[in-house]
N, C-alpha and C. Protein backbone atom coordinates (compact mmCIF):
# COMPACT_ATOMS: atom_id res chain seq x y z
N MET A 1 -17.61 -1.97 -11.36
CA MET A 1 -17.11 -0.64 -11.71
C MET A 1 -16.40 -0.28 -12.62
N ARG A 2 -16.63 0.72 -12.78
CA ARG A 2 -15.89 1.59 -13.87
C ARG A 2 -14.60 2.23 -13.68
N ILE A 3 -13.49 2.20 -14.45
CA ILE A 3 -12.16 2.54 -13.53
C ILE A 3 -11.63 3.69 -15.15
N ALA A 4 -11.63 4.85 -14.82
CA ALA A 4 -11.08 5.79 -15.84
C ALA A 4 -9.35 5.64 -15.92
N ILE A 5 -8.85 5.45 -16.55
CA ILE A 5 -7.09 5.35 -17.29
C ILE A 5 -6.82 6.22 -18.40
N GLY A 6 -5.81 6.53 -17.35
CA GLY A 6 -4.64 7.44 -18.37
C GLY A 6 -3.02 7.35 -18.40
N ALA A 7 -2.70 7.89 -19.52
CA ALA A 7 -0.83 7.68 -19.15
C ALA A 7 -0.41 9.16 -20.10
N ASP A 8 0.70 9.83 -19.72
CA ASP A 8 1.10 10.44 -21.01
C ASP A 8 1.69 9.55 -21.59
N HIS A 9 2.70 10.44 -22.28
CA HIS A 9 4.03 9.67 -22.95
C HIS A 9 4.78 8.88 -23.03
N ALA A 10 5.15 8.98 -21.78
CA ALA A 10 6.44 8.06 -20.47
C ALA A 10 5.07 6.76 -20.61
N GLY A 11 4.39 6.61 -19.85
CA GLY A 11 3.38 5.69 -19.10
C GLY A 11 2.48 5.35 -20.14
N HIS A 12 2.43 5.37 -21.82
CA HIS A 12 1.65 5.19 -22.58
C HIS A 12 2.20 3.46 -23.10
N PRO A 13 3.63 3.07 -22.85
CA PRO A 13 3.55 1.44 -23.37
C PRO A 13 2.97 0.57 -22.57
N LEU A 14 2.46 1.05 -21.32
CA LEU A 14 1.29 0.46 -20.41
C LEU A 14 -0.06 0.72 -20.43
N TYR A 15 -0.21 1.05 -21.14
CA TYR A 15 -1.77 2.22 -21.55
C TYR A 15 -3.10 1.01 -21.41
N GLN A 16 -2.43 0.12 -22.95
CA GLN A 16 -3.42 -0.88 -23.72
C GLN A 16 -3.59 -2.00 -22.11
N ALA A 17 -1.90 -2.29 -22.00
CA ALA A 17 -2.07 -3.65 -21.13
C ALA A 17 -3.07 -3.46 -19.66
N VAL A 18 -2.97 -2.03 -19.34
CA VAL A 18 -3.84 -1.77 -18.12
C VAL A 18 -5.29 -1.90 -18.62
N MET A 19 -5.28 -1.30 -19.60
CA MET A 19 -7.00 -1.28 -19.69
C MET A 19 -7.70 -3.00 -20.08
N ASP A 20 -6.73 -3.48 -20.78
CA ASP A 20 -7.07 -4.99 -20.70
C ASP A 20 -6.97 -5.70 -19.58
N GLN A 21 -5.93 -5.39 -18.41
CA GLN A 21 -6.53 -5.98 -16.98
C GLN A 21 -7.53 -5.80 -15.90
N VAL A 22 -7.54 -4.57 -16.75
CA VAL A 22 -9.19 -3.93 -15.71
C VAL A 22 -9.82 -4.94 -16.15
N ARG A 23 -10.66 -5.00 -17.49
CA ARG A 23 -11.55 -5.49 -17.98
C ARG A 23 -11.11 -6.68 -17.90
N ALA A 24 -9.95 -8.00 -17.92
CA ALA A 24 -9.96 -9.39 -17.60
C ALA A 24 -10.33 -9.07 -15.59
N CYS A 25 -10.17 -8.23 -14.80
CA CYS A 25 -10.55 -8.06 -13.74
C CYS A 25 -12.05 -8.28 -13.28
N GLY A 26 -12.98 -7.97 -14.26
CA GLY A 26 -14.16 -7.82 -15.12
C GLY A 26 -15.18 -6.56 -14.40
N HIS A 27 -14.06 -5.26 -14.71
CA HIS A 27 -14.57 -4.19 -14.52
C HIS A 27 -14.82 -3.40 -16.10
N GLU A 28 -14.97 -1.94 -15.75
CA GLU A 28 -15.39 -1.09 -17.26
C GLU A 28 -14.08 -0.61 -17.13
N PRO A 29 -13.09 -0.68 -18.28
CA PRO A 29 -11.66 0.33 -18.55
C PRO A 29 -12.80 1.52 -19.16
N VAL A 30 -12.36 2.80 -18.60
CA VAL A 30 -12.70 4.46 -19.29
C VAL A 30 -11.71 4.38 -19.80
N GLY A 31 -10.92 4.62 -20.82
CA GLY A 31 -9.71 5.53 -21.30
C GLY A 31 -10.03 6.66 -21.35
N VAL A 32 -8.92 7.80 -21.36
CA VAL A 32 -8.91 8.82 -21.34
C VAL A 32 -8.16 9.21 -23.18
N ASN A 33 -7.18 8.57 -23.24
CA ASN A 33 -6.24 8.86 -23.63
C ASN A 33 -6.79 8.85 -25.24
N THR A 34 -6.85 9.54 -26.37
CA THR A 34 -7.14 9.88 -27.54
C THR A 34 -6.71 9.28 -28.80
N GLY A 35 -5.36 9.34 -28.45
CA GLY A 35 -4.78 8.38 -29.98
C GLY A 35 -3.21 8.24 -29.39
N PRO A 36 -2.61 8.08 -30.51
CA PRO A 36 -1.06 7.39 -30.04
C PRO A 36 -0.46 8.44 -29.21
N PRO A 37 0.98 8.23 -28.56
CA PRO A 37 1.59 9.46 -27.55
C PRO A 37 1.94 10.03 -28.64
N GLN A 38 2.09 11.58 -27.91
CA GLN A 38 2.43 12.54 -28.38
C GLN A 38 3.66 13.24 -27.53
N ALA A 39 4.78 13.96 -27.96
CA ALA A 39 6.00 13.88 -26.69
C ALA A 39 4.98 15.46 -25.97
N ASP A 40 4.12 15.58 -26.01
CA ASP A 40 4.09 17.25 -25.83
C ASP A 40 2.46 16.24 -24.74
N ASP A 41 2.05 15.26 -24.51
CA ASP A 41 1.26 14.61 -23.66
C ASP A 41 1.89 14.90 -22.42
N ASP A 42 1.52 15.86 -21.37
CA ASP A 42 1.74 16.07 -19.90
C ASP A 42 0.87 15.21 -19.11
N TYR A 43 1.67 14.88 -18.06
CA TYR A 43 0.99 14.15 -17.25
C TYR A 43 -0.11 15.03 -16.41
N PRO A 44 0.32 15.95 -16.12
CA PRO A 44 -0.40 16.66 -15.41
C PRO A 44 -2.26 16.80 -16.23
N ASP A 45 -2.17 17.07 -17.75
CA ASP A 45 -3.20 16.73 -18.14
C ASP A 45 -3.93 15.51 -18.48
N PHE A 46 -3.27 14.47 -18.47
CA PHE A 46 -4.39 13.16 -17.83
C PHE A 46 -4.51 12.93 -16.43
N ALA A 47 -4.03 13.29 -15.75
CA ALA A 47 -3.98 13.50 -14.38
C ALA A 47 -5.42 14.19 -14.37
N VAL A 48 -5.68 15.53 -14.86
CA VAL A 48 -7.47 16.15 -14.50
C VAL A 48 -8.13 15.21 -15.27
N LEU A 49 -7.93 14.98 -16.47
CA LEU A 49 -8.91 13.56 -17.30
C LEU A 49 -9.48 12.77 -16.39
N VAL A 50 -8.90 12.21 -15.89
CA VAL A 50 -9.11 10.83 -15.25
C VAL A 50 -9.66 11.50 -13.90
N GLY A 51 -9.22 12.74 -12.88
CA GLY A 51 -9.72 12.81 -11.83
C GLY A 51 -10.79 13.43 -12.03
N GLU A 52 -11.41 14.37 -12.88
CA GLU A 52 -12.25 14.52 -13.12
C GLU A 52 -13.33 13.63 -13.53
N ARG A 53 -13.05 12.52 -13.86
CA ARG A 53 -13.89 11.02 -13.94
C ARG A 53 -14.39 10.40 -12.73
N VAL A 54 -13.60 10.56 -12.01
CA VAL A 54 -13.66 10.35 -10.45
C VAL A 54 -14.65 11.06 -9.70
N GLN A 55 -14.09 12.61 -9.94
CA GLN A 55 -14.83 13.58 -9.43
C GLN A 55 -16.35 13.53 -9.55
N ARG A 56 -16.51 13.64 -10.73
CA ARG A 56 -18.26 13.31 -11.38
C ARG A 56 -18.76 12.63 -10.71
N GLY A 57 -17.92 11.00 -10.50
CA GLY A 57 -18.59 9.65 -10.07
C GLY A 57 -19.31 9.11 -11.36
N ASP A 58 -18.57 9.46 -12.40
CA ASP A 58 -18.85 8.89 -13.55
C ASP A 58 -17.79 7.48 -13.92
N CYS A 59 -16.88 7.54 -12.95
CA CYS A 59 -15.57 6.34 -12.73
C CYS A 59 -15.68 6.16 -11.06
N GLN A 60 -16.03 5.27 -10.71
CA GLN A 60 -15.57 5.12 -9.15
C GLN A 60 -14.28 5.32 -8.51
N ARG A 61 -12.67 4.44 -9.78
CA ARG A 61 -11.48 5.02 -9.58
C ARG A 61 -10.99 5.16 -10.69
N GLY A 62 -9.90 5.73 -10.61
CA GLY A 62 -8.96 5.76 -11.49
C GLY A 62 -7.46 4.71 -11.93
N ILE A 63 -6.62 5.28 -12.76
CA ILE A 63 -5.26 4.56 -12.86
C ILE A 63 -4.55 5.51 -13.87
N ILE A 64 -3.43 5.95 -13.33
CA ILE A 64 -2.71 7.04 -14.05
C ILE A 64 -1.39 6.75 -14.43
N VAL A 65 -0.53 6.60 -15.45
CA VAL A 65 0.64 6.09 -16.23
C VAL A 65 1.38 7.39 -16.47
N CYS A 66 2.81 7.40 -15.26
CA CYS A 66 3.63 8.55 -16.27
C CYS A 66 4.84 7.64 -16.20
N GLY A 67 6.15 8.34 -16.65
CA GLY A 67 7.04 7.76 -16.84
C GLY A 67 7.36 7.10 -15.26
N SER A 68 7.58 7.84 -14.35
CA SER A 68 8.13 7.62 -12.78
C SER A 68 7.03 7.16 -11.88
N GLY A 69 5.54 8.01 -12.00
CA GLY A 69 4.36 7.84 -11.39
C GLY A 69 4.18 8.57 -10.36
N VAL A 70 5.84 9.92 -10.07
CA VAL A 70 5.44 10.82 -9.19
C VAL A 70 5.01 12.08 -10.05
N GLY A 71 4.77 12.28 -10.85
CA GLY A 71 4.25 13.60 -11.60
C GLY A 71 2.59 13.37 -11.54
N VAL A 72 2.20 12.47 -11.88
CA VAL A 72 0.22 12.10 -12.10
C VAL A 72 0.14 12.10 -10.27
N THR A 73 1.22 11.36 -9.56
CA THR A 73 0.48 11.27 -7.97
C THR A 73 0.25 12.69 -7.55
N VAL A 74 1.51 13.69 -7.75
CA VAL A 74 1.53 15.32 -7.11
C VAL A 74 -0.02 15.82 -8.03
N ALA A 75 0.26 15.51 -9.21
CA ALA A 75 -1.08 16.08 -9.69
C ALA A 75 -2.48 15.92 -9.54
N ALA A 76 -2.34 14.40 -9.24
CA ALA A 76 -3.93 14.66 -9.25
C ALA A 76 -4.24 14.71 -7.51
N ASN A 77 -3.68 14.22 -6.89
CA ASN A 77 -3.55 14.82 -5.28
C ASN A 77 -3.85 16.43 -5.32
N LYS A 78 -4.20 17.41 -6.14
CA LYS A 78 -3.89 18.55 -6.32
C LYS A 78 -5.63 18.79 -6.76
N MET A 79 -6.44 17.80 -6.88
CA MET A 79 -7.71 17.89 -6.99
C MET A 79 -8.78 17.15 -5.89
N ARG A 80 -9.45 18.05 -5.99
CA ARG A 80 -10.61 17.91 -4.47
C ARG A 80 -11.42 16.18 -4.61
N GLY A 81 -10.92 15.70 -3.58
CA GLY A 81 -11.54 14.26 -3.97
C GLY A 81 -11.00 13.55 -4.14
N ILE A 82 -9.40 13.38 -4.65
CA ILE A 82 -9.05 12.58 -4.99
C ILE A 82 -8.00 11.87 -3.97
N ARG A 83 -7.36 11.11 -3.87
CA ARG A 83 -6.83 10.16 -3.03
C ARG A 83 -5.64 9.02 -3.37
N ALA A 84 -4.53 10.13 -4.46
CA ALA A 84 -3.85 8.85 -5.45
C ALA A 84 -2.59 8.73 -4.48
N CYS A 85 -1.90 7.61 -5.39
CA CYS A 85 -0.62 7.43 -4.47
C CYS A 85 -0.09 6.04 -5.13
N MET A 86 1.41 6.64 -5.24
CA MET A 86 1.68 5.60 -6.49
C MET A 86 2.39 4.59 -5.49
N CYS A 87 2.00 3.40 -5.71
CA CYS A 87 2.33 2.13 -5.84
C CYS A 87 3.01 1.33 -6.80
N HIS A 88 4.53 1.15 -6.24
CA HIS A 88 4.90 -0.19 -6.98
C HIS A 88 4.96 -1.31 -6.21
N ASP A 89 4.49 -1.79 -5.42
CA ASP A 89 4.56 -2.74 -4.86
C ASP A 89 3.32 -3.12 -4.29
N SER A 90 2.53 -4.56 -4.70
CA SER A 90 1.23 -4.97 -4.23
C SER A 90 0.56 -4.70 -2.83
N TYR A 91 1.07 -4.92 -1.64
CA TYR A 91 0.82 -4.41 -0.58
C TYR A 91 -0.12 -3.25 -0.54
N SER A 92 0.94 -2.15 -1.17
CA SER A 92 0.48 -0.79 -1.24
C SER A 92 -0.72 -0.14 -2.18
N ALA A 93 -0.51 -1.16 -3.23
CA ALA A 93 -1.91 -1.03 -4.13
C ALA A 93 -3.02 -1.45 -3.52
N HIS A 94 -3.01 -2.48 -2.85
CA HIS A 94 -4.59 -2.99 -1.98
C HIS A 94 -4.46 -2.37 -0.61
N GLN A 95 -3.49 -2.39 0.12
CA GLN A 95 -3.62 -1.64 1.50
C GLN A 95 -4.37 -0.27 1.16
N GLY A 96 -4.23 0.65 0.09
CA GLY A 96 -4.40 2.16 0.30
C GLY A 96 -5.88 2.07 -0.02
N VAL A 97 -6.10 1.46 -0.80
CA VAL A 97 -7.79 1.21 -1.23
C VAL A 97 -8.22 0.66 0.54
N GLU A 98 -7.65 -0.33 1.10
CA GLU A 98 -8.54 -1.18 2.12
C GLU A 98 -8.26 -0.25 3.30
N HIS A 99 -7.38 0.46 3.24
CA HIS A 99 -7.17 1.44 4.83
C HIS A 99 -7.91 3.10 4.88
N ASP A 100 -6.76 3.17 3.09
CA ASP A 100 -7.31 4.52 3.05
C ASP A 100 -8.31 5.15 1.95
N ASP A 101 -8.87 4.56 1.83
CA ASP A 101 -9.76 4.34 0.39
C ASP A 101 -9.50 5.37 -0.77
N MET A 102 -8.07 4.94 -0.73
CA MET A 102 -7.66 5.34 -2.24
C MET A 102 -8.22 5.34 -3.45
N ASN A 103 -8.70 6.17 -4.52
CA ASN A 103 -9.12 6.12 -5.68
C ASN A 103 -8.42 6.20 -6.67
N VAL A 104 -7.19 6.59 -7.11
CA VAL A 104 -6.73 6.60 -7.93
C VAL A 104 -5.03 5.90 -7.49
N LEU A 105 -5.09 5.11 -8.47
CA LEU A 105 -3.16 4.29 -8.81
C LEU A 105 -2.64 5.03 -9.64
N CYS A 106 -1.00 5.13 -9.08
CA CYS A 106 -0.21 5.44 -9.86
C CYS A 106 0.49 4.77 -10.10
N MET A 107 1.09 5.10 -10.87
CA MET A 107 2.53 3.64 -11.41
C MET A 107 3.35 4.82 -12.31
N GLY A 108 4.80 3.99 -12.61
CA GLY A 108 5.77 4.98 -13.37
C GLY A 108 6.15 3.84 -14.28
N ALA A 109 5.77 3.73 -15.37
CA ALA A 109 6.06 3.08 -16.54
C ALA A 109 7.51 2.91 -17.14
N ARG A 110 8.17 3.89 -16.23
CA ARG A 110 10.26 3.78 -16.56
C ARG A 110 10.41 2.44 -15.39
N ILE A 111 9.53 2.71 -14.32
CA ILE A 111 10.19 2.00 -13.24
C ILE A 111 10.00 0.68 -12.83
N ILE A 112 9.26 0.24 -13.31
CA ILE A 112 7.78 -1.18 -13.10
C ILE A 112 7.72 -1.57 -14.57
N GLY A 113 8.03 -3.13 -14.30
CA GLY A 113 7.78 -4.02 -15.94
C GLY A 113 6.56 -4.10 -15.52
N SER A 114 6.15 -4.32 -16.75
CA SER A 114 4.67 -4.65 -17.30
C SER A 114 3.99 -5.90 -16.65
N ALA A 115 4.58 -7.08 -16.45
CA ALA A 115 4.12 -7.70 -14.65
C ALA A 115 3.63 -7.24 -13.45
N LEU A 116 4.57 -6.35 -13.29
CA LEU A 116 3.99 -5.99 -12.08
C LEU A 116 3.04 -5.07 -11.83
N ALA A 117 3.24 -4.20 -13.11
CA ALA A 117 1.89 -3.41 -13.39
C ALA A 117 0.62 -4.08 -13.62
N LEU A 118 0.64 -5.02 -14.05
CA LEU A 118 -0.40 -5.91 -14.14
C LEU A 118 -1.10 -6.64 -12.72
N GLU A 119 -0.03 -6.90 -11.93
CA GLU A 119 -0.43 -7.15 -10.90
C GLU A 119 -0.73 -6.32 -9.68
N LEU A 120 -0.42 -4.76 -9.88
CA LEU A 120 -0.49 -3.99 -9.07
C LEU A 120 -1.85 -3.16 -9.26
N VAL A 121 -2.80 -3.52 -10.75
CA VAL A 121 -3.41 -2.88 -11.57
C VAL A 121 -4.82 -4.51 -10.72
N ARG A 122 -4.67 -5.66 -10.46
CA ARG A 122 -5.61 -6.59 -9.84
C ARG A 122 -5.26 -6.16 -8.67
N ASP A 123 -4.59 -6.10 -7.82
CA ASP A 123 -4.86 -5.58 -6.25
C ASP A 123 -5.74 -4.78 -5.94
N PHE A 124 -5.37 -3.39 -6.87
CA PHE A 124 -6.31 -2.11 -6.98
C PHE A 124 -7.57 -2.16 -6.64
N VAL A 125 -7.97 -2.87 -8.08
CA VAL A 125 -9.08 -3.30 -8.52
C VAL A 125 -10.06 -4.03 -7.78
N THR A 126 -9.19 -5.31 -7.37
CA THR A 126 -10.25 -6.16 -6.47
C THR A 126 -10.32 -5.81 -4.92
N ALA A 127 -9.42 -4.60 -4.21
CA ALA A 127 -10.00 -4.45 -2.98
C ALA A 127 -10.40 -3.34 -2.88
N SER A 128 -11.42 -3.08 -1.61
CA SER A 128 -12.39 -2.88 -0.82
C SER A 128 -11.87 -1.88 0.70
N PHE A 129 -12.28 -0.65 0.71
CA PHE A 129 -12.57 -0.15 1.68
C PHE A 129 -13.39 -0.96 3.04
N SER A 130 -12.32 -1.28 3.76
CA SER A 130 -12.66 -1.88 5.30
C SER A 130 -13.84 -1.10 5.92
N LYS A 131 -14.03 0.10 6.29
CA LYS A 131 -14.96 0.85 6.91
C LYS A 131 -14.84 0.23 8.32
N GLU A 132 -13.26 -0.29 8.86
CA GLU A 132 -13.68 -0.70 10.05
C GLU A 132 -13.73 0.81 10.82
N ALA A 133 -13.64 1.04 12.23
CA ALA A 133 -13.32 2.47 13.05
C ALA A 133 -12.60 3.19 12.99
N ARG A 134 -11.58 2.60 13.29
CA ARG A 134 -10.42 3.42 12.78
C ARG A 134 -9.62 4.06 11.18
N HIS A 135 -9.95 3.26 10.62
CA HIS A 135 -9.65 3.40 9.10
C HIS A 135 -10.93 5.10 8.81
N GLN A 136 -11.99 4.24 9.06
CA GLN A 136 -12.93 5.54 8.79
C GLN A 136 -13.00 7.12 9.61
N ARG A 137 -12.10 6.63 10.78
CA ARG A 137 -12.11 7.75 11.65
C ARG A 137 -11.17 8.32 11.21
N ARG A 138 -9.85 7.93 10.11
CA ARG A 138 -9.03 8.19 9.95
C ARG A 138 -9.23 9.14 8.23
N LEU A 139 -10.08 8.39 7.54
CA LEU A 139 -10.43 9.22 6.23
C LEU A 139 -11.03 10.38 6.36
N ASP A 140 -12.08 10.12 7.56
CA ASP A 140 -13.36 11.68 7.51
C ASP A 140 -12.15 12.61 8.40
N LYS A 141 -10.88 12.52 8.83
CA LYS A 141 -10.03 13.77 9.07
C LYS A 141 -9.74 14.30 7.66
N VAL A 142 -9.09 13.15 6.52
CA VAL A 142 -8.81 13.67 5.49
C VAL A 142 -10.22 14.45 4.49
N LEU A 143 -11.03 13.51 4.74
CA LEU A 143 -12.38 14.55 3.92
C LEU A 143 -12.10 15.54 4.28
N ALA A 144 -12.18 15.98 5.98
CA ALA A 144 -12.28 17.53 6.44
C ALA A 144 -11.63 18.28 5.52
N MET A 145 -9.72 17.93 5.84
CA MET A 145 -8.65 18.57 5.37
C MET A 145 -9.12 19.05 3.91
N ASP A 146 -9.86 18.02 2.95
CA ASP A 146 -9.86 18.22 1.28
C ASP A 146 -11.22 19.34 1.31
N LYS A 147 -11.83 19.36 2.20
CA LYS A 147 -13.09 20.34 1.96
C LYS A 147 -12.84 21.46 2.87
N ALA A 148 -11.38 21.98 3.68
CA ALA A 148 -11.11 22.99 4.70
C ALA A 148 -10.11 23.96 3.71
N ARG A 149 -9.29 23.06 2.67
CA ARG A 149 -8.02 23.59 2.10
C ARG A 149 -8.51 24.06 0.51
């Protein structure tokens, strides 16, 4: 699986570690950052860069890191077809994929440490959507909302 990864200036301290963890889990990280962090690296820009990769299908999932995780979550969810969640616990990182087909993991580098971030990345990239009838029914409703609005 190809996973787009981006980080604003505040999330950048976790950027390389997230890339390495995705690779260690047997997946291909696709970094969207182009250089060292700059003060004007704004979270919406990285949400768009990651979201567009997922929308186009060249990446099946994405991971975005900012300071709190809130900004990238809000921005990414403005994009059609993106189901982004901020996860700062292991259960949400895998359950969001298994039950809700979450396709973008958002984290806050100022909120969690690197050890937890790597655990969340592992749980996110190793999880699969369950396709149980109740989960598919709910996802279909979310997809319909996405098309209607």
